[in-house]
N, C-alpha and C. Protein backbone atom coordinates (compact mmCIF):
# COMPACT_ATOMS: atom_id res chain seq x y z
N MET A 1 0.83 -1.20 0.00
CA MET A 1 0.00 0.00 0.00
C MET A 1 0.87 1.27 0.00
N LYS A 2 1.93 1.22 0.81
CA LYS A 2 2.83 2.37 0.90
C LYS A 2 3.48 2.64 -0.45
N ASN A 3 3.86 1.58 -1.16
CA ASN A 3 4.46 1.74 -2.48
C ASN A 3 3.49 2.38 -3.46
N LEU A 4 2.23 1.99 -3.38
CA LEU A 4 1.21 2.58 -4.25
C LEU A 4 1.04 4.06 -3.96
N LEU A 5 1.00 4.41 -2.68
CA LEU A 5 0.87 5.83 -2.31
C LEU A 5 2.07 6.64 -2.80
N LEU A 6 3.27 6.09 -2.66
CA LEU A 6 4.46 6.79 -3.14
C LEU A 6 4.47 6.89 -4.67
N GLN A 7 4.04 5.82 -5.32
CA GLN A 7 4.01 5.81 -6.77
C GLN A 7 3.03 6.86 -7.32
N TYR A 8 1.87 6.99 -6.68
CA TYR A 8 0.83 7.90 -7.17
C TYR A 8 0.77 9.22 -6.40
N LYS A 9 1.81 9.51 -5.62
CA LYS A 9 1.83 10.72 -4.81
C LYS A 9 1.59 11.99 -5.62
N PRO A 10 2.26 12.21 -6.76
CA PRO A 10 2.00 13.44 -7.52
C PRO A 10 0.53 13.57 -7.95
N PHE A 11 -0.04 12.47 -8.42
CA PHE A 11 -1.44 12.50 -8.83
C PHE A 11 -2.36 12.76 -7.65
N LEU A 12 -2.09 12.09 -6.52
CA LEU A 12 -2.93 12.27 -5.33
C LEU A 12 -2.84 13.68 -4.78
N LEU A 13 -1.63 14.29 -4.83
CA LEU A 13 -1.48 15.68 -4.40
C LEU A 13 -2.27 16.61 -5.32
N PHE A 14 -2.16 16.38 -6.64
CA PHE A 14 -2.92 17.18 -7.60
C PHE A 14 -4.41 17.06 -7.31
N LEU A 15 -4.89 15.84 -7.17
CA LEU A 15 -6.31 15.60 -6.93
C LEU A 15 -6.77 16.24 -5.62
N GLY A 16 -5.97 16.12 -4.58
CA GLY A 16 -6.32 16.71 -3.28
C GLY A 16 -6.40 18.23 -3.35
N LYS A 17 -5.41 18.85 -4.00
CA LYS A 17 -5.41 20.31 -4.14
C LYS A 17 -6.60 20.78 -4.98
N PHE A 18 -6.87 20.04 -6.06
CA PHE A 18 -7.98 20.42 -6.93
C PHE A 18 -9.30 20.35 -6.18
N ILE A 19 -9.56 19.21 -5.54
CA ILE A 19 -10.83 19.02 -4.82
C ILE A 19 -10.96 20.03 -3.69
N PHE A 20 -9.89 20.23 -2.92
CA PHE A 20 -9.94 21.17 -1.80
C PHE A 20 -10.22 22.60 -2.27
N SER A 21 -9.47 23.07 -3.28
CA SER A 21 -9.68 24.44 -3.76
C SER A 21 -11.05 24.58 -4.42
N TYR A 22 -11.48 23.57 -5.16
CA TYR A 22 -12.79 23.63 -5.81
C TYR A 22 -13.91 23.71 -4.76
N LEU A 23 -13.80 22.89 -3.72
CA LEU A 23 -14.83 22.91 -2.66
C LEU A 23 -14.84 24.25 -1.92
N ILE A 24 -13.67 24.77 -1.58
CA ILE A 24 -13.60 26.06 -0.87
C ILE A 24 -14.21 27.17 -1.72
N LEU A 25 -13.80 27.26 -2.99
CA LEU A 25 -14.32 28.31 -3.86
C LEU A 25 -15.82 28.15 -4.11
N THR A 26 -16.28 26.91 -4.23
CA THR A 26 -17.71 26.67 -4.44
C THR A 26 -18.52 27.06 -3.22
N VAL A 27 -18.01 26.76 -2.03
CA VAL A 27 -18.71 27.15 -0.79
C VAL A 27 -18.76 28.68 -0.69
N ILE A 28 -17.68 29.35 -1.02
CA ILE A 28 -17.66 30.82 -0.99
C ILE A 28 -18.68 31.38 -1.97
N TYR A 29 -18.71 30.81 -3.19
CA TYR A 29 -19.65 31.27 -4.21
C TYR A 29 -21.09 31.00 -3.78
N GLN A 30 -21.34 29.83 -3.23
CA GLN A 30 -22.70 29.49 -2.79
C GLN A 30 -23.13 30.40 -1.64
N THR A 31 -22.20 30.74 -0.76
CA THR A 31 -22.51 31.67 0.34
C THR A 31 -22.89 33.03 -0.23
N TYR A 32 -22.16 33.47 -1.25
CA TYR A 32 -22.49 34.72 -1.93
C TYR A 32 -23.90 34.65 -2.52
N LEU A 33 -24.20 33.55 -3.22
CA LEU A 33 -25.53 33.41 -3.85
C LEU A 33 -26.66 33.35 -2.83
N ASN A 34 -26.37 32.80 -1.67
CA ASN A 34 -27.41 32.68 -0.63
C ASN A 34 -27.85 34.03 -0.06
N HIS A 35 -27.11 35.10 -0.37
CA HIS A 35 -27.49 36.43 0.09
C HIS A 35 -28.62 37.04 -0.74
N PHE A 36 -29.01 36.36 -1.82
CA PHE A 36 -30.04 36.89 -2.72
C PHE A 36 -31.31 36.06 -2.57
N ASP A 37 -32.42 36.74 -2.44
CA ASP A 37 -33.70 36.12 -2.12
C ASP A 37 -34.37 35.53 -3.35
N VAL A 38 -34.45 34.22 -3.39
CA VAL A 38 -35.06 33.50 -4.51
C VAL A 38 -36.55 33.80 -4.59
N LYS A 39 -37.21 33.86 -3.44
CA LYS A 39 -38.66 34.10 -3.40
C LYS A 39 -39.04 35.44 -4.00
N ASN A 40 -38.17 36.43 -3.83
CA ASN A 40 -38.44 37.77 -4.38
C ASN A 40 -37.76 37.96 -5.73
N VAL A 41 -37.42 36.85 -6.39
CA VAL A 41 -36.75 36.83 -7.70
C VAL A 41 -35.57 37.81 -7.78
N GLU A 42 -34.79 37.85 -6.72
CA GLU A 42 -33.63 38.74 -6.66
C GLU A 42 -32.44 38.08 -7.37
N VAL A 43 -31.87 38.76 -8.35
CA VAL A 43 -30.74 38.25 -9.13
C VAL A 43 -29.45 38.75 -8.47
N ASP A 44 -28.45 37.86 -8.45
CA ASP A 44 -27.18 38.26 -7.83
C ASP A 44 -26.51 39.38 -8.63
N THR A 45 -25.71 40.15 -7.95
CA THR A 45 -25.08 41.34 -8.50
C THR A 45 -24.17 41.04 -9.69
N PHE A 46 -23.41 39.96 -9.61
CA PHE A 46 -22.48 39.64 -10.69
C PHE A 46 -23.24 39.27 -11.96
N THR A 47 -24.32 38.53 -11.84
CA THR A 47 -25.12 38.16 -13.01
C THR A 47 -25.74 39.41 -13.64
N LYS A 48 -26.22 40.33 -12.81
CA LYS A 48 -26.76 41.59 -13.34
C LYS A 48 -25.68 42.37 -14.08
N MET A 49 -24.46 42.37 -13.53
CA MET A 49 -23.35 43.08 -14.16
C MET A 49 -23.02 42.45 -15.52
N VAL A 50 -22.99 41.13 -15.58
CA VAL A 50 -22.71 40.43 -16.84
C VAL A 50 -23.79 40.76 -17.87
N ALA A 51 -25.04 40.79 -17.46
CA ALA A 51 -26.14 41.12 -18.38
C ALA A 51 -25.98 42.56 -18.90
N LYS A 52 -25.68 43.49 -18.00
CA LYS A 52 -25.52 44.89 -18.42
C LYS A 52 -24.31 45.06 -19.34
N GLN A 53 -23.22 44.38 -19.04
CA GLN A 53 -22.04 44.46 -19.90
C GLN A 53 -22.32 43.86 -21.28
N SER A 54 -23.08 42.78 -21.31
CA SER A 54 -23.45 42.16 -22.59
C SER A 54 -24.32 43.11 -23.40
N ALA A 55 -25.27 43.76 -22.73
CA ALA A 55 -26.12 44.75 -23.42
C ALA A 55 -25.28 45.93 -23.92
N ALA A 56 -24.29 46.32 -23.15
CA ALA A 56 -23.41 47.42 -23.58
C ALA A 56 -22.65 47.04 -24.84
N VAL A 57 -22.17 45.81 -24.92
CA VAL A 57 -21.48 45.35 -26.13
C VAL A 57 -22.47 45.31 -27.29
N LEU A 58 -23.67 44.81 -27.04
CA LEU A 58 -24.70 44.78 -28.10
C LEU A 58 -25.08 46.18 -28.56
N SER A 59 -25.05 47.14 -27.64
CA SER A 59 -25.44 48.51 -28.01
C SER A 59 -24.42 49.16 -28.95
N LEU A 60 -23.24 48.59 -29.07
CA LEU A 60 -22.28 49.07 -30.06
C LEU A 60 -22.78 48.78 -31.48
N VAL A 61 -23.60 47.75 -31.60
CA VAL A 61 -24.16 47.35 -32.89
C VAL A 61 -25.58 47.89 -33.07
N ASP A 62 -26.32 47.93 -31.94
CA ASP A 62 -27.72 48.34 -32.00
C ASP A 62 -28.08 49.14 -30.76
N SER A 63 -28.59 50.34 -30.97
CA SER A 63 -28.91 51.22 -29.84
C SER A 63 -30.15 50.76 -29.07
N LYS A 64 -30.88 49.79 -29.59
CA LYS A 64 -32.09 49.30 -28.93
C LYS A 64 -31.80 48.06 -28.07
N SER A 65 -30.58 47.91 -27.62
CA SER A 65 -30.20 46.80 -26.76
C SER A 65 -30.21 47.26 -25.31
N TYR A 66 -30.84 46.47 -24.46
CA TYR A 66 -30.92 46.83 -23.04
C TYR A 66 -31.29 45.61 -22.21
N THR A 67 -31.24 45.77 -20.90
CA THR A 67 -31.65 44.70 -19.98
C THR A 67 -32.84 45.16 -19.17
N MET A 68 -33.52 44.17 -18.61
CA MET A 68 -34.67 44.45 -17.76
C MET A 68 -34.82 43.27 -16.79
N PRO A 69 -35.09 43.54 -15.52
CA PRO A 69 -35.29 42.43 -14.59
C PRO A 69 -36.55 41.64 -14.98
N HIS A 70 -36.45 40.32 -14.84
CA HIS A 70 -37.61 39.47 -15.09
C HIS A 70 -38.53 39.59 -13.87
N GLN A 71 -39.82 39.63 -14.11
CA GLN A 71 -40.77 39.84 -13.01
C GLN A 71 -41.07 38.57 -12.21
N THR A 72 -40.96 37.40 -12.85
CA THR A 72 -41.36 36.16 -12.17
C THR A 72 -40.24 35.14 -12.04
N GLU A 73 -39.08 35.41 -12.61
CA GLU A 73 -37.95 34.49 -12.54
C GLU A 73 -36.71 35.22 -12.04
N GLN A 74 -35.79 34.45 -11.50
CA GLN A 74 -34.53 35.00 -10.99
C GLN A 74 -33.55 35.16 -12.15
N THR A 75 -33.94 36.01 -13.12
CA THR A 75 -33.14 36.22 -14.33
C THR A 75 -33.20 37.69 -14.74
N VAL A 76 -32.37 38.02 -15.72
CA VAL A 76 -32.37 39.34 -16.33
C VAL A 76 -32.70 39.14 -17.81
N LYS A 77 -33.68 39.89 -18.30
CA LYS A 77 -34.03 39.81 -19.71
C LYS A 77 -33.04 40.64 -20.52
N LEU A 78 -32.63 40.11 -21.66
CA LEU A 78 -31.71 40.82 -22.54
C LEU A 78 -32.43 41.06 -23.87
N PHE A 79 -32.47 42.33 -24.27
CA PHE A 79 -33.15 42.73 -25.49
C PHE A 79 -32.13 43.16 -26.54
N TYR A 80 -32.38 42.78 -27.78
CA TYR A 80 -31.54 43.16 -28.91
C TYR A 80 -32.47 43.61 -30.04
N LYS A 81 -32.18 44.79 -30.58
CA LYS A 81 -33.04 45.40 -31.60
C LYS A 81 -34.48 45.53 -31.08
N GLY A 82 -34.59 45.82 -29.79
CA GLY A 82 -35.89 46.02 -29.16
C GLY A 82 -36.67 44.75 -28.92
N LYS A 83 -36.08 43.59 -29.20
CA LYS A 83 -36.78 42.30 -29.06
C LYS A 83 -36.15 41.50 -27.92
N TYR A 84 -37.00 40.90 -27.10
CA TYR A 84 -36.53 40.04 -26.01
C TYR A 84 -35.92 38.79 -26.63
N ILE A 85 -34.60 38.64 -26.45
CA ILE A 85 -33.88 37.55 -27.09
C ILE A 85 -33.52 36.44 -26.11
N SER A 86 -33.03 36.81 -24.94
CA SER A 86 -32.59 35.78 -24.01
C SER A 86 -32.72 36.25 -22.57
N ARG A 87 -32.63 35.29 -21.70
CA ARG A 87 -32.60 35.60 -20.27
C ARG A 87 -31.25 35.18 -19.73
N ILE A 88 -30.69 36.04 -18.91
CA ILE A 88 -29.38 35.77 -18.31
C ILE A 88 -29.64 35.24 -16.90
N ILE A 89 -29.23 34.00 -16.68
CA ILE A 89 -29.39 33.38 -15.37
C ILE A 89 -28.03 33.33 -14.67
N GLU A 90 -28.03 32.89 -13.43
CA GLU A 90 -26.78 32.81 -12.66
C GLU A 90 -25.74 31.97 -13.39
N GLY A 91 -26.13 30.91 -14.05
CA GLY A 91 -25.20 30.05 -14.76
C GLY A 91 -24.52 30.71 -15.95
N CYS A 92 -25.07 31.83 -16.40
CA CYS A 92 -24.50 32.55 -17.55
C CYS A 92 -23.33 33.45 -17.17
N ASN A 93 -23.11 33.65 -15.89
CA ASN A 93 -22.09 34.62 -15.48
C ASN A 93 -20.66 34.08 -15.52
N ALA A 94 -20.50 32.80 -15.81
CA ALA A 94 -19.20 32.13 -15.97
C ALA A 94 -18.39 32.00 -14.68
N LEU A 95 -18.96 32.34 -13.54
CA LEU A 95 -18.20 32.19 -12.30
C LEU A 95 -17.89 30.73 -11.99
N SER A 96 -18.79 29.82 -12.33
CA SER A 96 -18.51 28.40 -12.09
C SER A 96 -17.36 27.93 -12.99
N VAL A 97 -17.27 28.46 -14.20
CA VAL A 97 -16.16 28.13 -15.10
C VAL A 97 -14.86 28.71 -14.54
N ILE A 98 -14.92 29.91 -14.03
CA ILE A 98 -13.73 30.55 -13.44
C ILE A 98 -13.27 29.78 -12.21
N ILE A 99 -14.20 29.29 -11.41
CA ILE A 99 -13.85 28.48 -10.23
C ILE A 99 -13.14 27.21 -10.67
N LEU A 100 -13.63 26.57 -11.71
CA LEU A 100 -12.99 25.37 -12.25
C LEU A 100 -11.58 25.69 -12.74
N PHE A 101 -11.44 26.78 -13.46
CA PHE A 101 -10.14 27.23 -13.98
C PHE A 101 -9.15 27.47 -12.83
N ILE A 102 -9.58 28.22 -11.84
CA ILE A 102 -8.71 28.55 -10.70
C ILE A 102 -8.29 27.28 -9.96
N SER A 103 -9.23 26.37 -9.73
CA SER A 103 -8.93 25.14 -9.01
C SER A 103 -7.86 24.32 -9.72
N PHE A 104 -7.95 24.25 -11.03
CA PHE A 104 -6.95 23.51 -11.80
C PHE A 104 -5.58 24.16 -11.70
N VAL A 105 -5.54 25.48 -11.81
CA VAL A 105 -4.26 26.19 -11.73
C VAL A 105 -3.64 25.99 -10.35
N ILE A 106 -4.45 26.07 -9.31
CA ILE A 106 -3.94 25.84 -7.95
C ILE A 106 -3.43 24.41 -7.80
N ALA A 107 -4.14 23.46 -8.39
CA ALA A 107 -3.76 22.05 -8.26
C ALA A 107 -2.42 21.77 -8.94
N PHE A 108 -2.14 22.44 -10.05
CA PHE A 108 -0.85 22.32 -10.71
C PHE A 108 0.02 23.47 -10.23
N THR A 109 0.52 23.33 -9.05
CA THR A 109 1.24 24.37 -8.34
C THR A 109 2.28 25.08 -9.20
N GLY A 110 2.39 26.38 -8.94
CA GLY A 110 3.41 27.20 -9.57
C GLY A 110 3.94 28.17 -8.54
N LYS A 111 4.87 29.01 -8.95
CA LYS A 111 5.36 30.04 -8.03
C LYS A 111 4.20 30.98 -7.71
N LEU A 112 4.16 31.47 -6.48
CA LEU A 112 3.01 32.23 -5.98
C LEU A 112 2.66 33.42 -6.87
N LYS A 113 3.65 34.25 -7.21
CA LYS A 113 3.38 35.44 -8.01
C LYS A 113 2.83 35.07 -9.39
N LYS A 114 3.45 34.09 -10.04
CA LYS A 114 2.98 33.64 -11.35
C LYS A 114 1.58 33.05 -11.25
N THR A 115 1.33 32.30 -10.19
CA THR A 115 0.01 31.69 -10.00
C THR A 115 -1.06 32.76 -9.87
N ILE A 116 -0.82 33.74 -9.02
CA ILE A 116 -1.79 34.82 -8.80
C ILE A 116 -2.02 35.61 -10.09
N LEU A 117 -0.95 35.95 -10.77
CA LEU A 117 -1.08 36.72 -12.02
C LEU A 117 -1.81 35.92 -13.10
N PHE A 118 -1.51 34.63 -13.21
CA PHE A 118 -2.16 33.81 -14.22
C PHE A 118 -3.64 33.63 -13.90
N ILE A 119 -3.96 33.44 -12.63
CA ILE A 119 -5.36 33.32 -12.22
C ILE A 119 -6.10 34.62 -12.52
N LEU A 120 -5.49 35.74 -12.20
CA LEU A 120 -6.11 37.04 -12.46
C LEU A 120 -6.31 37.26 -13.96
N PHE A 121 -5.25 37.07 -14.74
CA PHE A 121 -5.32 37.24 -16.19
C PHE A 121 -6.35 36.29 -16.79
N GLY A 122 -6.28 35.02 -16.43
CA GLY A 122 -7.19 34.02 -16.98
C GLY A 122 -8.64 34.29 -16.62
N SER A 123 -8.90 34.71 -15.39
CA SER A 123 -10.26 35.01 -14.95
C SER A 123 -10.83 36.21 -15.71
N ILE A 124 -10.02 37.22 -15.90
CA ILE A 124 -10.47 38.40 -16.66
C ILE A 124 -10.72 38.02 -18.11
N LEU A 125 -9.84 37.22 -18.68
CA LEU A 125 -10.02 36.77 -20.07
C LEU A 125 -11.30 35.96 -20.21
N ILE A 126 -11.55 35.04 -19.30
CA ILE A 126 -12.78 34.23 -19.35
C ILE A 126 -14.00 35.13 -19.23
N HIS A 127 -13.94 36.12 -18.34
CA HIS A 127 -15.06 37.04 -18.17
C HIS A 127 -15.33 37.83 -19.46
N ILE A 128 -14.28 38.36 -20.05
CA ILE A 128 -14.44 39.14 -21.28
C ILE A 128 -14.98 38.26 -22.41
N LEU A 129 -14.43 37.06 -22.54
CA LEU A 129 -14.93 36.14 -23.56
C LEU A 129 -16.38 35.75 -23.32
N ASN A 130 -16.75 35.63 -22.06
CA ASN A 130 -18.13 35.30 -21.73
C ASN A 130 -19.08 36.42 -22.15
N ILE A 131 -18.69 37.66 -21.92
CA ILE A 131 -19.50 38.81 -22.34
C ILE A 131 -19.66 38.78 -23.86
N GLY A 132 -18.55 38.56 -24.56
CA GLY A 132 -18.61 38.45 -26.02
C GLY A 132 -19.46 37.29 -26.47
N ARG A 133 -19.35 36.17 -25.76
CA ARG A 133 -20.14 34.98 -26.07
C ARG A 133 -21.63 35.28 -25.98
N ILE A 134 -22.04 35.93 -24.90
CA ILE A 134 -23.45 36.26 -24.70
C ILE A 134 -23.93 37.22 -25.79
N ALA A 135 -23.13 38.24 -26.08
CA ALA A 135 -23.51 39.21 -27.11
C ALA A 135 -23.64 38.54 -28.48
N LEU A 136 -22.64 37.74 -28.85
CA LEU A 136 -22.70 37.04 -30.14
C LEU A 136 -23.86 36.05 -30.18
N LEU A 137 -24.10 35.39 -29.07
CA LEU A 137 -25.22 34.45 -29.01
C LEU A 137 -26.55 35.16 -29.24
N CYS A 138 -26.71 36.34 -28.65
CA CYS A 138 -27.94 37.12 -28.85
C CYS A 138 -28.13 37.51 -30.31
N VAL A 139 -27.05 37.96 -30.94
CA VAL A 139 -27.13 38.32 -32.36
C VAL A 139 -27.49 37.09 -33.19
N ALA A 140 -26.83 35.97 -32.90
CA ALA A 140 -27.09 34.74 -33.64
C ALA A 140 -28.53 34.26 -33.42
N LEU A 141 -29.02 34.35 -32.19
CA LEU A 141 -30.39 33.92 -31.90
C LEU A 141 -31.42 34.84 -32.54
N TYR A 142 -31.08 36.10 -32.68
CA TYR A 142 -31.99 37.04 -33.34
C TYR A 142 -32.17 36.63 -34.81
N HIS A 143 -31.07 36.28 -35.45
CA HIS A 143 -31.10 35.95 -36.87
C HIS A 143 -31.43 34.48 -37.15
N PHE A 144 -31.06 33.59 -36.23
CA PHE A 144 -31.25 32.15 -36.44
C PHE A 144 -31.86 31.49 -35.21
N PRO A 145 -33.08 31.87 -34.82
CA PRO A 145 -33.67 31.30 -33.61
C PRO A 145 -33.86 29.78 -33.67
N GLN A 146 -33.96 29.24 -34.88
CA GLN A 146 -34.15 27.80 -35.03
C GLN A 146 -32.92 27.00 -34.60
N TYR A 147 -31.78 27.64 -34.49
CA TYR A 147 -30.54 26.96 -34.09
C TYR A 147 -30.18 27.21 -32.63
N GLU A 148 -31.15 27.57 -31.83
CA GLU A 148 -30.89 27.89 -30.42
C GLU A 148 -30.15 26.77 -29.70
N HIS A 149 -30.63 25.54 -29.83
CA HIS A 149 -30.00 24.42 -29.12
C HIS A 149 -28.55 24.24 -29.56
N LEU A 150 -28.30 24.28 -30.85
CA LEU A 150 -26.94 24.11 -31.35
C LEU A 150 -26.03 25.25 -30.88
N LEU A 151 -26.51 26.48 -30.99
CA LEU A 151 -25.70 27.64 -30.62
C LEU A 151 -25.46 27.70 -29.11
N HIS A 152 -26.54 27.61 -28.34
CA HIS A 152 -26.43 27.76 -26.89
C HIS A 152 -25.88 26.51 -26.21
N GLY A 153 -26.24 25.35 -26.73
CA GLY A 153 -25.85 24.11 -26.06
C GLY A 153 -24.55 23.49 -26.53
N VAL A 154 -24.09 23.86 -27.74
CA VAL A 154 -22.90 23.21 -28.29
C VAL A 154 -21.81 24.22 -28.65
N VAL A 155 -22.09 25.10 -29.59
CA VAL A 155 -21.05 25.98 -30.15
C VAL A 155 -20.43 26.90 -29.10
N PHE A 156 -21.25 27.65 -28.40
CA PHE A 156 -20.69 28.63 -27.47
C PHE A 156 -20.07 28.00 -26.22
N PRO A 157 -20.64 26.92 -25.66
CA PRO A 157 -19.91 26.25 -24.56
C PRO A 157 -18.57 25.66 -25.03
N LEU A 158 -18.55 25.16 -26.26
CA LEU A 158 -17.31 24.62 -26.81
C LEU A 158 -16.23 25.69 -26.87
N VAL A 159 -16.62 26.89 -27.25
CA VAL A 159 -15.66 27.99 -27.33
C VAL A 159 -15.12 28.35 -25.94
N ILE A 160 -16.01 28.54 -24.98
CA ILE A 160 -15.56 28.99 -23.65
C ILE A 160 -14.73 27.90 -22.96
N TYR A 161 -15.18 26.64 -23.05
CA TYR A 161 -14.41 25.56 -22.43
C TYR A 161 -13.13 25.28 -23.20
N GLY A 162 -13.14 25.51 -24.51
CA GLY A 162 -11.93 25.37 -25.31
C GLY A 162 -10.86 26.36 -24.87
N VAL A 163 -11.26 27.60 -24.61
CA VAL A 163 -10.33 28.62 -24.15
C VAL A 163 -9.79 28.26 -22.77
N VAL A 164 -10.65 27.78 -21.88
CA VAL A 164 -10.21 27.37 -20.54
C VAL A 164 -9.19 26.23 -20.67
N PHE A 165 -9.47 25.28 -21.55
CA PHE A 165 -8.54 24.17 -21.75
C PHE A 165 -7.19 24.69 -22.26
N LEU A 166 -7.21 25.62 -23.21
CA LEU A 166 -5.95 26.19 -23.72
C LEU A 166 -5.18 26.92 -22.62
N LEU A 167 -5.90 27.64 -21.76
CA LEU A 167 -5.25 28.31 -20.63
C LEU A 167 -4.59 27.28 -19.71
N TRP A 168 -5.27 26.17 -19.46
CA TRP A 168 -4.69 25.10 -18.63
C TRP A 168 -3.42 24.55 -19.26
N VAL A 169 -3.47 24.30 -20.57
CA VAL A 169 -2.30 23.76 -21.27
C VAL A 169 -1.13 24.74 -21.16
N ILE A 170 -1.41 26.02 -21.36
CA ILE A 170 -0.36 27.04 -21.22
C ILE A 170 0.20 27.04 -19.80
N TRP A 171 -0.69 26.99 -18.81
CA TRP A 171 -0.26 27.00 -17.42
C TRP A 171 0.64 25.81 -17.11
N VAL A 172 0.21 24.62 -17.48
CA VAL A 172 0.97 23.41 -17.16
C VAL A 172 2.32 23.40 -17.88
N ASN A 173 2.34 23.81 -19.13
CA ASN A 173 3.56 23.72 -19.93
C ASN A 173 4.52 24.90 -19.78
N LYS A 174 4.03 26.04 -19.32
CA LYS A 174 4.91 27.23 -19.25
C LYS A 174 5.18 27.72 -17.82
N TYR A 175 4.21 27.64 -16.94
CA TYR A 175 4.34 28.34 -15.67
C TYR A 175 4.28 27.47 -14.41
N SER A 176 3.72 26.29 -14.49
CA SER A 176 3.60 25.45 -13.30
C SER A 176 4.97 24.92 -12.88
N LEU A 177 5.06 24.38 -11.68
CA LEU A 177 6.30 23.78 -11.22
C LEU A 177 6.63 22.55 -12.06
N TYR A 178 5.62 21.90 -12.59
CA TYR A 178 5.82 20.76 -13.49
C TYR A 178 6.61 21.21 -14.72
N ALA A 179 6.29 22.37 -15.27
CA ALA A 179 6.99 22.89 -16.45
C ALA A 179 8.43 23.23 -16.11
N THR A 180 8.68 23.80 -14.93
CA THR A 180 10.05 24.15 -14.56
C THR A 180 10.88 22.89 -14.31
N GLU A 181 10.26 21.81 -13.84
CA GLU A 181 10.98 20.55 -13.64
C GLU A 181 11.38 19.95 -14.97
N ILE A 182 10.51 20.04 -15.97
CA ILE A 182 10.81 19.53 -17.30
C ILE A 182 11.92 20.37 -17.94
N ASP A 183 11.89 21.67 -17.73
CA ASP A 183 12.93 22.55 -18.28
C ASP A 183 14.31 22.21 -17.73
N LYS A 184 14.36 21.74 -16.49
CA LYS A 184 15.64 21.41 -15.86
C LYS A 184 16.26 20.16 -16.47
N LYS A 185 15.43 19.27 -17.01
CA LYS A 185 15.94 17.99 -17.55
C LYS A 185 16.61 18.14 -18.87
């Protein structure tokens, strides 16, 4: 048993760090979400900000783009060309994707300064791409509503998760302690 633990120690350390950081960040996020009243259809502040930023990007193309709180759901309505196109829910704000990204970076340990900077840069990049994703999705849904499932369920998640995967690859190969060990060989 001891030999197995020694043999798989790097993997077990990675897994432990990933699970621990993911659980901590998820509990913090859930605590944040619990401050908003579901019964009164109160939307969390970050989701409202993402909706407003998406509308601001859309307004560069169309001045009739805006947001409005939903009256019966915990969502924000997003309008494009004066038409209600989509609703922004908590899952649209990409914070769960950012939590996953951060947990992976923490699990593949790096030097503290590089880790913090990469997490900050990566989180901002994911946020900006998410705003662009929502804006492009609204434009696409306006013109091609029949492809909603393909666009919302396949194409745009593939893009955002693809970028997160590329960030992970860059982190592991360039900045993590694993990368510096390979460079030494």
